[in-house]
Amino acid sequence: MYSRAESKKIRQEFWTCFGKSYPRKWLLYNTKIKDLSLKFTFTRKFAEVSIDLDAPDEIMRQYYFEKLQSLKTILKDEFLPEVVFAEEYELENRKIISRVYVSKYGVNIHKKEDWPQVMAWLAQNMDALERFFLEYQDFIEQ
């Protein structure tokens, strides 16, 4: 078991290594849509790439989620076949958001032997998610 400080250091080391291995300007928070962001997640249990809808106004969150849901077939067929749509997704801090995501289970950020495969997986899936988002951004933000 790692202390909180050791765990933080390992996470920082992973993301620094990821940035050096995949030196690219990812879209992430620069979607130009308030409360909609693309996210990387890597924990002791799984890795995830997602579109997060974090609007404090539930009506806006639902509006954007329904827009994304209307593109579900395209997203699955052309970009991410394993994508999951969660209208209510609970974060570790108990906050409820809407999330469209793909996950890779059985990996652990504390196991450096998992890093190469997770980095490749994160980059490949975020690239697909970004291509989808950029292609349909105008429709999503209307």
Foldseek 3Di string as FASTA:
>chain_A
DDDPVVVVVLVVVLVVVLCVVPVDDACAPVLPAPQWGWDWDAAQWKTKTKIWRGDPPLVVQVLLLVLVVVCVVVCCPPFNVQWDWACWDQDPVRDTITIIMDMDGPHHSVDVVRRVVSSVVRVRNSVSVVVVCVVCVVSSRD
